[in-house]
Amino acid sequence: MIIPNGDQVARLLDACQTLTGTHARQRGPRLRAFFAVMYYAECRPSEVIALREADCYLPAPG
């Protein structure tokens, strides 16, 4: 298993914002969130797919 470093993850997340083609406007933010949760929460892909907002503790903005 290869674990990417912070620079590699930053480039991956940035690349999600520059997708082109059909439905890129919807796919880009979803992929960015998907990969960010995988990296920062140390989740497997199947865990991210099953994740729902009710499963998360989201702090108040600010």
Protein backbone atom coordinates (compact mmCIF):
# COMPACT_ATOMS: atom_id res chain seq x y z
CA MET A 1 0.00 0.00 0.00
CA ILE A 2 1.27 3.46 -0.88
CA ILE A 3 0.16 6.40 1.23
CA PRO A 4 0.46 9.75 -0.55
CA ASN A 5 2.16 12.66 1.15
CA GLY A 6 0.53 16.03 1.73
CA ASP A 7 1.88 17.54 -1.50
CA GLN A 8 0.55 14.67 -3.58
CA VAL A 9 -2.87 14.94 -1.96
CA ALA A 10 -2.95 18.70 -2.54
CA ARG A 11 -2.20 18.16 -6.24
CA LEU A 12 -4.90 15.48 -6.47
CA LEU A 13 -7.49 17.73 -4.82
CA ASP A 14 -6.52 20.63 -7.10
CA ALA A 15 -6.83 18.37 -10.14
CA CYS A 16 -10.41 17.55 -9.18
CA GLN A 17 -11.25 21.23 -9.68
CA THR A 18 -9.90 21.29 -13.23
CA LEU A 19 -11.86 18.36 -14.67
CA THR A 20 -13.32 18.85 -18.11
CA GLY A 21 -15.94 17.02 -20.09
CA THR A 22 -19.46 15.84 -19.46
CA HIS A 23 -20.74 16.54 -15.94
CA ALA A 24 -17.36 17.87 -14.78
CA ARG A 25 -19.06 20.57 -12.69
CA GLN A 26 -20.78 17.88 -10.60
CA ARG A 27 -17.97 15.32 -10.58
CA GLY A 28 -15.15 17.66 -9.59
CA PRO A 29 -16.49 18.72 -6.18
CA ARG A 30 -17.70 15.19 -5.41
CA LEU A 31 -14.33 13.66 -6.24
CA ARG A 32 -12.53 16.36 -4.27
CA ALA A 33 -14.68 15.61 -1.21
CA PHE A 34 -14.27 11.85 -1.73
CA PHE A 35 -10.47 11.98 -1.84
CA ALA A 36 -10.24 14.55 0.96
CA VAL A 37 -12.26 12.33 3.31
CA MET A 38 -10.16 9.32 2.34
CA TYR A 39 -6.96 11.17 3.20
CA TYR A 40 -7.90 13.31 6.19
CA ALA A 41 -10.23 10.79 7.90
CA GLU A 42 -8.14 7.77 6.86
CA CYS A 43 -11.17 6.02 5.37
CA ARG A 44 -11.30 3.29 2.78
CA PRO A 45 -13.20 4.01 -0.46
CA SER A 46 -16.12 1.80 0.61
CA GLU A 47 -16.35 3.67 3.92
CA VAL A 48 -16.49 7.02 2.15
CA ILE A 49 -19.21 5.77 -0.20
CA ALA A 50 -21.32 4.58 2.75
CA LEU A 51 -20.77 7.81 4.72
CA ARG A 52 -23.80 10.03 5.32
CA GLU A 53 -23.99 13.53 6.79
CA ALA A 54 -25.71 12.11 9.90
CA ASP A 55 -22.58 10.00 10.51
CA CYS A 56 -20.39 13.10 10.79
CA TYR A 57 -19.75 15.62 13.52
CA LEU A 58 -19.49 18.93 11.70
CA PRO A 59 -18.30 21.89 13.81
CA ALA A 60 -20.07 25.22 13.63
CA PRO A 61 -18.59 27.59 11.03
CA GLY A 62 -16.10 30.11 12.22
